Amino acid sequence: MKIKVVIAEDETLTRMDLIEILEDNDYEVVGEASDGLEAIDIINEKKPDLVLLDVKMPLMTGLQVAKVLKENRFDGCVVMLTAYNIKDYINKATENSASGYLLKPIDEGIFLSHLKLIYSKFLELKNLKDEMCKTKKKLEERKILEKAKGILMAKHQWDEGKAYEFMRNLSMEKRITMGKLSEIIVTVGGVS
């Protein structure tokens, strides 16, 4: 499956070069913008995997676009493009969740290899975050389950096994998840 890309670059020739380089190398360019406002609109519409943002664009800079994307919880990879290797740009790009920073003018070989590296590291980090969220959610569900069992044990003088068996049977009978049942028991202080 091709990586879907949106390119936001105000220099037409540079944008056309980027499109050609990417499409010749199995990327799918799904949108292009010449200013920051247009970029936000296209990104929201197309939901790309990867966004290339020129740092200096009209109306909104690439750094401002990256900030908006971060606040809107955009879950794709953001890469900044600039002719300037200025520490302040790098710091602002990092603050706004940019995954990488590439310098212009574009050398095709260097650009593609760095872009591939940036995107693969982005995917690794995203997968780790997803796993961490799943683990955190399971832990929270487990805590609620334990609390619900404790409520039933105290209310009915049951042991842990009896409370769990009651919850499991009720969950199957009412066709709701153990997690949802646990939340209900904790909220209302038990069930009869």
C-alpha atoms as a PDB file:
ATOM      1  CA  MET A   1       0.000   0.000   0.000  1.00  0.00           C
ATOM      2  CA  LYS A   2       1.370   3.397  -0.986  1.00  0.00           C
ATOM      3  CA  ILE A   3       2.077   6.083   1.585  1.00  0.00           C
ATOM      4  CA  LYS A   4      -0.362   8.978   1.035  1.00  0.00           C
ATOM      5  CA  VAL A   5       1.344  12.379   1.043  1.00  0.00           C
ATOM      6  CA  VAL A   6       0.277  16.028   1.126  1.00  0.00           C
ATOM      7  CA  ILE A   7       2.888  18.582   0.075  1.00  0.00           C
ATOM      8  CA  ALA A   8       2.654  22.201   1.272  1.00  0.00           C
ATOM      9  CA  GLU A   9       5.278  24.257  -0.550  1.00  0.00           C
ATOM     10  CA  ASP A  10       4.843  27.784  -1.905  1.00  0.00           C
ATOM     11  CA  GLU A  11       7.538  27.444  -4.577  1.00  0.00           C
ATOM     12  CA  THR A  12       5.781  25.860  -7.557  1.00  0.00           C
ATOM     13  CA  LEU A  13       8.907  24.316  -9.116  1.00  0.00           C
ATOM     14  CA  THR A  14      10.014  22.776  -5.818  1.00  0.00           C
ATOM     15  CA  ARG A  15       6.497  21.410  -5.247  1.00  0.00           C
ATOM     16  CA  MET A  16       6.409  19.909  -8.751  1.00  0.00           C
ATOM     17  CA  ASP A  17       9.854  18.344  -8.231  1.00  0.00           C
ATOM     18  CA  LEU A  18       8.742  16.829  -4.926  1.00  0.00           C
ATOM     19  CA  ILE A  19       5.592  15.409  -6.508  1.00  0.00           C
ATOM     20  CA  GLU A  20       7.595  13.839  -9.318  1.00  0.00           C
ATOM     21  CA  ILE A  21      10.235  12.391  -6.972  1.00  0.00           C
ATOM     22  CA  LEU A  22       7.614  10.928  -4.634  1.00  0.00           C
ATOM     23  CA  GLU A  23       5.322   9.509  -7.313  1.00  0.00           C
ATOM     24  CA  ASP A  24       8.306   7.941  -9.117  1.00  0.00           C
ATOM     25  CA  ASN A  25       9.158   6.171  -5.852  1.00  0.00           C
ATOM     26  CA  ASP A  26       5.795   4.599  -4.929  1.00  0.00           C
ATOM     27  CA  TYR A  27       4.367   7.396  -2.803  1.00  0.00           C
ATOM     28  CA  GLU A  28       0.876   8.665  -3.587  1.00  0.00           C
ATOM     29  CA  VAL A  29       0.594  12.457  -3.545  1.00  0.00           C
ATOM     30  CA  VAL A  30      -3.046  13.056  -2.589  1.00  0.00           C
ATOM     31  CA  GLY A  31      -2.872  16.827  -2.226  1.00  0.00           C
ATOM     32  CA  GLU A  32      -0.746  19.903  -2.642  1.00  0.00           C
ATOM     33  CA  ALA A  33      -0.926  23.397  -1.182  1.00  0.00           C
ATOM     34  CA  SER A  34       0.870  26.671  -1.778  1.00  0.00           C
ATOM     35  CA  ASP A  35       0.073  28.267   1.587  1.00  0.00           C
ATOM     36  CA  GLY A  36      -0.564  27.258   5.175  1.00  0.00           C
ATOM     37  CA  LEU A  37      -4.341  27.730   5.247  1.00  0.00           C
ATOM     38  CA  GLU A  38      -4.776  25.675   2.107  1.00  0.00           C
ATOM     39  CA  ALA A  39      -2.524  23.020   3.637  1.00  0.00           C
ATOM     40  CA  ILE A  40      -4.700  22.642   6.739  1.00  0.00           C
ATOM     41  CA  ASP A  41      -7.837  22.328   4.602  1.00  0.00           C
ATOM     42  CA  ILE A  42      -6.314  19.677   2.331  1.00  0.00           C
ATOM     43  CA  ILE A  43      -4.781  17.718   5.234  1.00  0.00           C
ATOM     44  CA  ASN A  44      -8.135  17.640   7.050  1.00  0.00           C
ATOM     45  CA  GLU A  45      -9.880  16.478   3.873  1.00  0.00           C
ATOM     46  CA  LYS A  46      -7.340  13.911   2.626  1.00  0.00           C
ATOM     47  CA  LYS A  47      -6.056  12.515   5.958  1.00  0.00           C
ATOM     48  CA  PRO A  48      -2.597  11.643   4.594  1.00  0.00           C
ATOM     49  CA  ASP A  49      -0.011   9.373   6.206  1.00  0.00           C
ATOM     50  CA  LEU A  50       2.738  11.931   5.629  1.00  0.00           C
ATOM     51  CA  VAL A  51       2.796  15.724   5.328  1.00  0.00           C
ATOM     52  CA  LEU A  52       5.693  17.732   3.924  1.00  0.00           C
ATOM     53  CA  LEU A  53       5.532  21.356   5.135  1.00  0.00           C
ATOM     54  CA  ASP A  54       7.715  24.185   3.918  1.00  0.00           C
ATOM     55  CA  VAL A  55       8.702  26.276   6.947  1.00  0.00           C
ATOM     56  CA  LYS A  56       8.205  29.630   5.155  1.00  0.00           C
ATOM     57  CA  MET A  57       4.841  29.880   3.375  1.00  0.00           C
ATOM     58  CA  PRO A  58       2.306  32.677   2.913  1.00  0.00           C
ATOM     59  CA  LEU A  59      -0.621  33.191   5.325  1.00  0.00           C
ATOM     60  CA  MET A  60       0.659  30.603   7.828  1.00  0.00           C
ATOM     61  CA  THR A  61       4.140  29.186   8.183  1.00  0.00           C
ATOM     62  CA  GLY A  62       4.754  25.454   8.149  1.00  0.00           C
ATOM     63  CA  LEU A  63       5.538  25.714  11.867  1.00  0.00           C
ATOM     64  CA  GLN A  64       2.109  27.256  12.496  1.00  0.00           C
ATOM     65  CA  VAL A  65       0.457  24.543  10.407  1.00  0.00           C
ATOM     66  CA  ALA A  66       2.325  21.899  12.440  1.00  0.00           C
ATOM     67  CA  LYS A  67       1.042  23.532  15.632  1.00  0.00           C
ATOM     68  CA  VAL A  68      -2.568  23.403  14.365  1.00  0.00           C
ATOM     69  CA  LEU A  69      -2.125  19.767  13.347  1.00  0.00           C
ATOM     70  CA  LYS A  70      -0.755  18.920  16.798  1.00  0.00           C
ATOM     71  CA  GLU A  71      -3.692  20.639  18.516  1.00  0.00           C
ATOM     72  CA  ASN A  72      -6.121  18.792  16.206  1.00  0.00           C
ATOM     73  CA  ARG A  73      -4.406  15.494  17.096  1.00  0.00           C
ATOM     74  CA  PHE A  74      -3.342  14.745  13.519  1.00  0.00           C
ATOM     75  CA  ASP A  75      -1.905  11.225  13.675  1.00  0.00           C
ATOM     76  CA  GLY A  76       0.229  11.287  10.531  1.00  0.00           C
ATOM     77  CA  CYS A  77       3.906  12.030  10.102  1.00  0.00           C
ATOM     78  CA  VAL A  78       4.879  15.707   9.728  1.00  0.00           C
ATOM     79  CA  VAL A  79       8.186  16.581   8.064  1.00  0.00           C
ATOM     80  CA  MET A  80       9.415  20.157   7.783  1.00  0.00           C
ATOM     81  CA  LEU A  81      11.178  21.415   4.637  1.00  0.00           C
ATOM     82  CA  THR A  82      13.393  24.491   4.649  1.00  0.00           C
ATOM     83  CA  ALA A  83      16.432  26.090   3.111  1.00  0.00           C
ATOM     84  CA  TYR A  84      17.440  27.310   6.566  1.00  0.00           C
ATOM     85  CA  ASN A  85      19.289  25.167   9.081  1.00  0.00           C
ATOM     86  CA  ILE A  86      18.415  27.382  12.030  1.00  0.00           C
ATOM     87  CA  LYS A  87      18.281  25.917  15.531  1.00  0.00           C
ATOM     88  CA  ASP A  88      15.151  27.941  16.405  1.00  0.00           C
ATOM     89  CA  TYR A  89      13.232  26.335  13.493  1.00  0.00           C
ATOM     90  CA  ILE A  90      14.329  22.887  14.590  1.00  0.00           C
ATOM     91  CA  ASN A  91      13.232  23.549  18.184  1.00  0.00           C
ATOM     92  CA  LYS A  92       9.829  24.895  17.106  1.00  0.00           C
ATOM     93  CA  ALA A  93       9.335  21.979  14.723  1.00  0.00           C
ATOM     94  CA  THR A  94      10.103  19.549  17.550  1.00  0.00           C
ATOM     95  CA  GLU A  95       7.717  21.366  19.933  1.00  0.00           C
ATOM     96  CA  ASN A  96       4.957  20.931  17.355  1.00  0.00           C
ATOM     97  CA  SER A  97       5.457  17.177  16.937  1.00  0.00           C
ATOM     98  CA  ALA A  98       7.306  17.266  13.629  1.00  0.00           C
ATOM     99  CA  SER A  99       8.982  13.917  13.048  1.00  0.00           C
ATOM    100  CA  GLY A 100      11.773  15.304  10.941  1.00  0.00           C
ATOM    101  CA  TYR A 101      13.387  18.230   9.218  1.00  0.00           C
ATOM    102  CA  LEU A 102      14.826  18.159   5.674  1.00  0.00           C
ATOM    103  CA  LEU A 103      16.923  20.834   4.000  1.00  0.00           C
ATOM    104  CA  LYS A 104      16.382  22.301   0.542  1.00  0.00           C
ATOM    105  CA  PRO A 105      17.504  22.270  -2.192  1.00  0.00           C
ATOM    106  CA  ILE A 106      16.370  18.681  -2.528  1.00  0.00           C
ATOM    107  CA  ASP A 107      18.876  16.029  -3.550  1.00  0.00           C
ATOM    108  CA  GLU A 108      16.676  13.104  -4.631  1.00  0.00           C
ATOM    109  CA  GLY A 109      18.789  10.295  -3.153  1.00  0.00           C
ATOM    110  CA  ILE A 110      19.381  11.996   0.184  1.00  0.00           C
ATOM    111  CA  PHE A 111      15.789  13.214   0.365  1.00  0.00           C
ATOM    112  CA  LEU A 112      14.301   9.764  -0.248  1.00  0.00           C
ATOM    113  CA  SER A 113      16.616   7.942   2.147  1.00  0.00           C
ATOM    114  CA  HIS A 114      16.059  10.484   4.935  1.00  0.00           C
ATOM    115  CA  LEU A 115      12.307  10.552   4.328  1.00  0.00           C
ATOM    116  CA  LYS A 116      12.147   6.757   4.502  1.00  0.00           C
ATOM    117  CA  LEU A 117      14.128   6.780   7.768  1.00  0.00           C
ATOM    118  CA  ILE A 118      11.982   9.538   9.296  1.00  0.00           C
ATOM    119  CA  TYR A 119       8.751   7.768   8.333  1.00  0.00           C
ATOM    120  CA  SER A 120       9.891   4.357   9.615  1.00  0.00           C
ATOM    121  CA  LYS A 121      10.954   5.896  12.957  1.00  0.00           C
ATOM    122  CA  PHE A 122       7.597   7.698  13.106  1.00  0.00           C
ATOM    123  CA  LEU A 123       5.775   4.375  12.605  1.00  0.00           C
ATOM    124  CA  GLU A 124       7.880   2.679  15.298  1.00  0.00           C
ATOM    125  CA  LEU A 125       7.081   5.438  17.774  1.00  0.00           C
ATOM    126  CA  LYS A 126       3.401   5.416  16.813  1.00  0.00           C
ATOM    127  CA  ASN A 127       3.211   1.629  17.330  1.00  0.00           C
ATOM    128  CA  LEU A 128       4.887   1.966  20.735  1.00  0.00           C
ATOM    129  CA  LYS A 129       2.421   4.688  21.742  1.00  0.00           C
ATOM    130  CA  ASP A 130      -0.506   2.540  20.558  1.00  0.00           C
ATOM    131  CA  GLU A 131       0.756  -0.431  22.578  1.00  0.00           C
ATOM    132  CA  MET A 132       1.258   1.787  25.615  1.00  0.00           C
ATOM    133  CA  CYS A 133      -2.307   3.121  25.297  1.00  0.00           C
ATOM    134  CA  LYS A 134      -3.710  -0.406  24.990  1.00  0.00           C
ATOM    135  CA  THR A 135      -1.753  -1.536  28.034  1.00  0.00           C
ATOM    136  CA  LYS A 136      -2.866   1.519  30.017  1.00  0.00           C
ATOM    137  CA  LYS A 137      -6.493   0.886  29.030  1.00  0.00           C
ATOM    138  CA  LYS A 138      -6.275  -2.772  30.063  1.00  0.00           C
ATOM    139  CA  LEU A 139      -4.750  -1.743  33.393  1.00  0.00           C
ATOM    140  CA  GLU A 140      -7.536   0.783  33.992  1.00  0.00           C
ATOM    141  CA  GLU A 141     -10.171  -1.833  33.092  1.00  0.00           C
ATOM    142  CA  ARG A 142      -8.492  -4.292  35.471  1.00  0.00           C
ATOM    143  CA  LYS A 143      -8.549  -1.722  38.287  1.00  0.00           C
ATOM    144  CA  ILE A 144     -12.271  -1.102  37.755  1.00  0.00           C
ATOM    145  CA  LEU A 145     -12.936  -4.856  37.631  1.00  0.00           C
ATOM    146  CA  GLU A 146     -11.084  -5.339  40.915  1.00  0.00           C
ATOM    147  CA  LYS A 147     -12.974  -2.450  42.504  1.00  0.00           C
ATOM    148  CA  ALA A 148     -16.311  -3.871  41.295  1.00  0.00           C
ATOM    149  CA  LYS A 149     -15.426  -7.313  42.704  1.00  0.00           C
ATOM    150  CA  GLY A 150     -14.539  -5.648  46.009  1.00  0.00           C
ATOM    151  CA  ILE A 151     -17.901  -3.882  46.128  1.00  0.00           C
ATOM    152  CA  LEU A 152     -19.790  -7.148  45.495  1.00  0.00           C
ATOM    153  CA  MET A 153     -17.645  -9.029  48.019  1.00  0.00           C
ATOM    154  CA  ALA A 154     -18.394  -6.441  50.716  1.00  0.00           C
ATOM    155  CA  LYS A 155     -22.097  -6.130  49.870  1.00  0.00           C
ATOM    156  CA  HIS A 156     -22.847  -9.877  49.681  1.00  0.00           C
ATOM    157  CA  GLN A 157     -20.052 -11.321  51.873  1.00  0.00           C
ATOM    158  CA  TRP A 158     -18.768 -13.273  48.879  1.00  0.00           C
ATOM    159  CA  ASP A 159     -15.245 -14.424  48.282  1.00  0.00           C
ATOM    160  CA  GLU A 160     -13.357 -13.176  45.218  1.00  0.00           C
ATOM    161  CA  GLY A 161     -14.184 -16.270  43.125  1.00  0.00           C
ATOM    162  CA  LYS A 162     -17.917 -15.975  43.798  1.00  0.00           C
ATOM    163  CA  ALA A 163     -17.932 -12.239  42.969  1.00  0.00           C
ATOM    164  CA  TYR A 164     -16.071 -12.850  39.701  1.00  0.00           C
ATOM    165  CA  GLU A 165     -18.334 -15.760  38.741  1.00  0.00           C
ATOM    166  CA  PHE A 166     -21.416 -13.622  39.409  1.00  0.00           C
ATOM    167  CA  MET A 167     -20.026 -10.815  37.237  1.00  0.00           C
ATOM    168  CA  ARG A 168     -19.032 -13.170  34.429  1.00  0.00           C
ATOM    169  CA  ASN A 169     -22.464 -14.847  34.366  1.00  0.00           C
ATOM    170  CA  LEU A 170     -24.301 -11.516  34.515  1.00  0.00           C
ATOM    171  CA  SER A 171     -22.086 -10.153  31.754  1.00  0.00           C
ATOM    172  CA  MET A 172     -22.936 -13.080  29.474  1.00  0.00           C
ATOM    173  CA  GLU A 173     -26.628 -13.042  30.389  1.00  0.00           C
ATOM    174  CA  LYS A 174     -27.021  -9.303  29.722  1.00  0.00           C
ATOM    175  CA  ARG A 175     -24.588  -9.300  26.798  1.00  0.00           C
ATOM    176  CA  ILE A 176     -22.415  -6.513  28.054  1.00  0.00           C
ATOM    177  CA  THR A 177     -18.679  -6.555  28.508  1.00  0.00           C
ATOM    178  CA  MET A 178     -17.077  -7.210  31.867  1.00  0.00           C
ATOM    179  CA  GLY A 179     -15.558  -3.742  31.609  1.00  0.00           C
ATOM    180  CA  LYS A 180     -18.934  -2.059  31.132  1.00  0.00           C
ATOM    181  CA  LEU A 181     -20.501  -4.126  33.922  1.00  0.00           C
ATOM    182  CA  SER A 182     -17.626  -3.227  36.241  1.00  0.00           C
ATOM    183  CA  GLU A 183     -18.142   0.481  35.515  1.00  0.00           C
ATOM    184  CA  ILE A 184     -21.852   0.153  36.308  1.00  0.00           C
ATOM    185  CA  ILE A 185     -21.194  -1.698  39.568  1.00  0.00           C
ATOM    186  CA  VAL A 186     -18.646   0.914  40.649  1.00  0.00           C
ATOM    187  CA  THR A 187     -20.948   3.798  39.671  1.00  0.00           C
ATOM    188  CA  VAL A 188     -24.051   2.517  41.484  1.00  0.00           C
ATOM    189  CA  GLY A 189     -22.278   0.716  44.310  1.00  0.00           C
ATOM    190  CA  GLY A 190     -23.257  -2.846  43.373  1.00  0.00           C
ATOM    191  CA  VAL A 191     -26.116  -4.830  41.869  1.00  0.00           C
ATOM    192  CA  SER A 192     -28.628  -7.052  43.562  1.00  0.00           C
END
